[in-house]
N, C-alpha and C. Protein backbone atom coordinates (compact mmCIF):
# COMPACT_ATOMS: atom_id res chain seq x y z
N MET A 1 15.27 -9.56 -21.28
CA MET A 1 14.42 -10.56 -21.90
C MET A 1 13.04 -10.50 -21.24
N SER A 2 12.03 -10.40 -22.05
CA SER A 2 10.68 -10.34 -21.50
C SER A 2 10.24 -11.72 -21.02
N GLN A 3 9.19 -11.73 -20.25
CA GLN A 3 8.67 -12.99 -19.70
C GLN A 3 8.25 -13.94 -20.82
N LYS A 4 7.64 -13.39 -21.86
CA LYS A 4 7.18 -14.21 -22.99
C LYS A 4 8.37 -14.87 -23.69
N GLU A 5 9.44 -14.10 -23.93
CA GLU A 5 10.64 -14.65 -24.57
C GLU A 5 11.29 -15.70 -23.67
N HIS A 6 11.31 -15.43 -22.38
CA HIS A 6 11.90 -16.37 -21.43
C HIS A 6 11.14 -17.70 -21.44
N ASN A 7 9.81 -17.62 -21.41
CA ASN A 7 8.99 -18.83 -21.45
C ASN A 7 9.19 -19.59 -22.76
N LYS A 8 9.29 -18.85 -23.87
CA LYS A 8 9.48 -19.50 -25.17
C LYS A 8 10.83 -20.22 -25.21
N SER A 9 11.87 -19.61 -24.67
CA SER A 9 13.19 -20.25 -24.69
C SER A 9 13.21 -21.48 -23.78
N ARG A 10 12.46 -21.43 -22.68
CA ARG A 10 12.39 -22.59 -21.79
C ARG A 10 11.66 -23.75 -22.47
N LEU A 11 10.59 -23.45 -23.21
CA LEU A 11 9.84 -24.49 -23.89
C LEU A 11 10.58 -25.03 -25.11
N ASN A 12 11.45 -24.21 -25.66
CA ASN A 12 12.18 -24.59 -26.86
C ASN A 12 13.02 -25.84 -26.65
N ARG A 13 13.56 -26.03 -25.45
CA ARG A 13 14.43 -27.18 -25.22
C ARG A 13 13.67 -28.50 -25.20
N TYR A 14 12.34 -28.45 -25.11
CA TYR A 14 11.54 -29.67 -25.09
C TYR A 14 10.97 -30.04 -26.46
N LYS A 15 11.25 -29.22 -27.48
CA LYS A 15 10.79 -29.54 -28.83
C LYS A 15 11.53 -30.78 -29.32
N PRO A 16 10.85 -31.66 -30.05
CA PRO A 16 11.51 -32.87 -30.57
C PRO A 16 12.76 -32.56 -31.39
N SER A 17 12.70 -31.48 -32.19
CA SER A 17 13.87 -31.15 -33.01
C SER A 17 15.07 -30.77 -32.14
N THR A 18 14.83 -30.06 -31.05
CA THR A 18 15.91 -29.67 -30.14
C THR A 18 16.47 -30.89 -29.43
N ILE A 19 15.59 -31.77 -28.97
CA ILE A 19 16.03 -32.98 -28.28
C ILE A 19 16.83 -33.85 -29.23
N ARG A 20 16.36 -33.98 -30.48
CA ARG A 20 17.06 -34.77 -31.49
C ARG A 20 18.43 -34.18 -31.77
N ALA A 21 18.51 -32.85 -31.88
CA ALA A 21 19.80 -32.20 -32.16
C ALA A 21 20.76 -32.41 -30.99
N ASP A 22 20.25 -32.31 -29.76
CA ASP A 22 21.10 -32.56 -28.59
C ASP A 22 21.62 -33.99 -28.57
N ALA A 23 20.75 -34.94 -28.88
CA ALA A 23 21.16 -36.34 -28.91
C ALA A 23 22.19 -36.58 -30.01
N GLN A 24 21.99 -35.98 -31.17
CA GLN A 24 22.94 -36.13 -32.27
C GLN A 24 24.30 -35.54 -31.88
N ARG A 25 24.30 -34.37 -31.25
CA ARG A 25 25.53 -33.72 -30.82
C ARG A 25 26.26 -34.59 -29.79
N ASP A 26 25.50 -35.15 -28.84
CA ASP A 26 26.11 -36.03 -27.84
C ASP A 26 26.72 -37.26 -28.49
N TYR A 27 26.02 -37.82 -29.49
CA TYR A 27 26.51 -39.02 -30.17
C TYR A 27 27.77 -38.71 -30.96
N GLU A 28 27.78 -37.57 -31.66
CA GLU A 28 28.98 -37.18 -32.41
C GLU A 28 30.16 -36.98 -31.47
N HIS A 29 29.92 -36.38 -30.32
CA HIS A 29 30.97 -36.19 -29.31
C HIS A 29 31.48 -37.56 -28.83
N TYR A 30 30.55 -38.51 -28.64
CA TYR A 30 30.93 -39.85 -28.19
C TYR A 30 31.78 -40.55 -29.26
N LYS A 31 31.37 -40.44 -30.53
CA LYS A 31 32.14 -41.07 -31.59
C LYS A 31 33.54 -40.48 -31.67
N ALA A 32 33.66 -39.17 -31.46
CA ALA A 32 34.96 -38.51 -31.60
C ALA A 32 35.88 -38.79 -30.40
N THR A 33 35.32 -38.82 -29.20
CA THR A 33 36.16 -38.91 -28.00
C THR A 33 36.07 -40.26 -27.29
N GLY A 34 35.01 -41.01 -27.53
CA GLY A 34 34.84 -42.29 -26.85
C GLY A 34 34.20 -42.17 -25.48
N GLU A 35 33.75 -40.99 -25.11
CA GLU A 35 33.05 -40.82 -23.83
C GLU A 35 31.88 -39.87 -23.99
N TRP A 36 30.87 -40.08 -23.17
CA TRP A 36 29.68 -39.24 -23.23
C TRP A 36 29.97 -37.90 -22.59
N SER A 37 29.35 -36.86 -23.12
CA SER A 37 29.54 -35.52 -22.55
C SER A 37 28.89 -35.47 -21.18
N LYS A 38 29.49 -34.71 -20.30
CA LYS A 38 28.99 -34.58 -18.92
C LYS A 38 27.78 -33.65 -18.89
N LYS A 39 26.81 -34.05 -18.10
CA LYS A 39 25.62 -33.22 -17.92
C LYS A 39 25.80 -32.37 -16.67
N ASP A 40 25.11 -31.28 -16.63
CA ASP A 40 25.14 -30.40 -15.47
C ASP A 40 24.58 -31.16 -14.26
N PRO A 41 25.30 -31.18 -13.13
CA PRO A 41 24.82 -31.93 -11.96
C PRO A 41 23.43 -31.50 -11.49
N ALA A 42 23.10 -30.24 -11.65
CA ALA A 42 21.77 -29.77 -11.23
C ALA A 42 20.69 -30.42 -12.09
N VAL A 43 20.96 -30.58 -13.38
CA VAL A 43 19.99 -31.21 -14.28
C VAL A 43 19.83 -32.68 -13.92
N VAL A 44 20.94 -33.35 -13.65
CA VAL A 44 20.89 -34.76 -13.27
C VAL A 44 20.11 -34.94 -11.98
N LYS A 45 20.38 -34.07 -11.01
CA LYS A 45 19.69 -34.15 -9.71
C LYS A 45 18.19 -33.92 -9.88
N ARG A 46 17.83 -32.92 -10.68
CA ARG A 46 16.42 -32.61 -10.90
C ARG A 46 15.73 -33.76 -11.62
N THR A 47 16.40 -34.34 -12.60
CA THR A 47 15.81 -35.47 -13.34
C THR A 47 15.60 -36.67 -12.44
N LEU A 48 16.60 -37.00 -11.64
CA LEU A 48 16.47 -38.14 -10.73
C LEU A 48 15.36 -37.90 -9.71
N ARG A 49 15.24 -36.67 -9.23
CA ARG A 49 14.18 -36.36 -8.28
C ARG A 49 12.80 -36.53 -8.92
N LEU A 50 12.65 -36.09 -10.16
CA LEU A 50 11.36 -36.24 -10.85
C LEU A 50 11.05 -37.71 -11.11
N VAL A 51 12.06 -38.49 -11.46
CA VAL A 51 11.84 -39.92 -11.68
C VAL A 51 11.43 -40.59 -10.37
N LEU A 52 12.09 -40.24 -9.28
CA LEU A 52 11.76 -40.82 -7.97
C LEU A 52 10.33 -40.46 -7.56
N ILE A 53 9.95 -39.21 -7.75
CA ILE A 53 8.59 -38.77 -7.41
C ILE A 53 7.57 -39.54 -8.24
N THR A 54 7.86 -39.71 -9.54
CA THR A 54 6.95 -40.43 -10.42
C THR A 54 6.79 -41.89 -9.98
N VAL A 55 7.89 -42.53 -9.64
CA VAL A 55 7.85 -43.92 -9.19
C VAL A 55 7.04 -44.04 -7.90
N VAL A 56 7.25 -43.13 -6.96
CA VAL A 56 6.52 -43.17 -5.69
C VAL A 56 5.02 -42.99 -5.93
N ILE A 57 4.65 -42.06 -6.79
CA ILE A 57 3.24 -41.83 -7.07
C ILE A 57 2.60 -43.08 -7.69
N PHE A 58 3.29 -43.69 -8.66
CA PHE A 58 2.73 -44.90 -9.28
C PHE A 58 2.64 -46.04 -8.28
N LEU A 59 3.62 -46.18 -7.39
CA LEU A 59 3.54 -47.22 -6.37
C LEU A 59 2.36 -46.99 -5.43
N MET A 60 2.15 -45.74 -5.04
CA MET A 60 1.02 -45.43 -4.17
C MET A 60 -0.30 -45.74 -4.87
N LEU A 61 -0.41 -45.38 -6.14
CA LEU A 61 -1.63 -45.68 -6.89
C LEU A 61 -1.84 -47.19 -7.01
N ALA A 62 -0.77 -47.93 -7.24
CA ALA A 62 -0.88 -49.39 -7.36
C ALA A 62 -1.34 -50.00 -6.04
N ILE A 63 -0.81 -49.51 -4.93
CA ILE A 63 -1.22 -50.02 -3.61
C ILE A 63 -2.69 -49.72 -3.35
N VAL A 64 -3.13 -48.51 -3.67
CA VAL A 64 -4.53 -48.14 -3.47
C VAL A 64 -5.44 -49.01 -4.33
N LEU A 65 -5.07 -49.23 -5.59
CA LEU A 65 -5.88 -50.09 -6.45
C LEU A 65 -5.90 -51.52 -5.95
N LEU A 66 -4.78 -52.00 -5.46
CA LEU A 66 -4.72 -53.36 -4.91
C LEU A 66 -5.60 -53.49 -3.68
N LEU A 67 -5.56 -52.48 -2.81
CA LEU A 67 -6.39 -52.51 -1.61
C LEU A 67 -7.87 -52.45 -1.96
N GLN A 68 -8.22 -51.68 -2.98
CA GLN A 68 -9.61 -51.62 -3.41
C GLN A 68 -10.05 -52.95 -3.99
N ALA A 69 -9.16 -53.60 -4.75
CA ALA A 69 -9.51 -54.88 -5.36
C ALA A 69 -9.71 -55.96 -4.28
N ILE A 70 -8.88 -55.90 -3.27
CA ILE A 70 -8.99 -56.88 -2.18
C ILE A 70 -10.23 -56.60 -1.33
N GLY A 71 -10.45 -55.32 -1.06
CA GLY A 71 -11.56 -54.95 -0.19
C GLY A 71 -12.92 -55.12 -0.83
N GLY A 72 -12.97 -55.22 -2.10
CA GLY A 72 -14.26 -55.46 -2.73
C GLY A 72 -14.64 -54.27 -3.48
């Protein structure tokens, strides 16, 4: 697989149609079995890490803005 094809396949999973299809498949699985399909632990870990980093960055920005507002 060439680099261009690899990059295209990586970006493909973020297309709205792909995300919608994944959500529909998960929902159909839930309706049939009564439980949500398991996600890959690496994906869950990476997602939680990105959420944590995002929260920390926003908290730091909020503190800086608050300090600027107080300081004048």
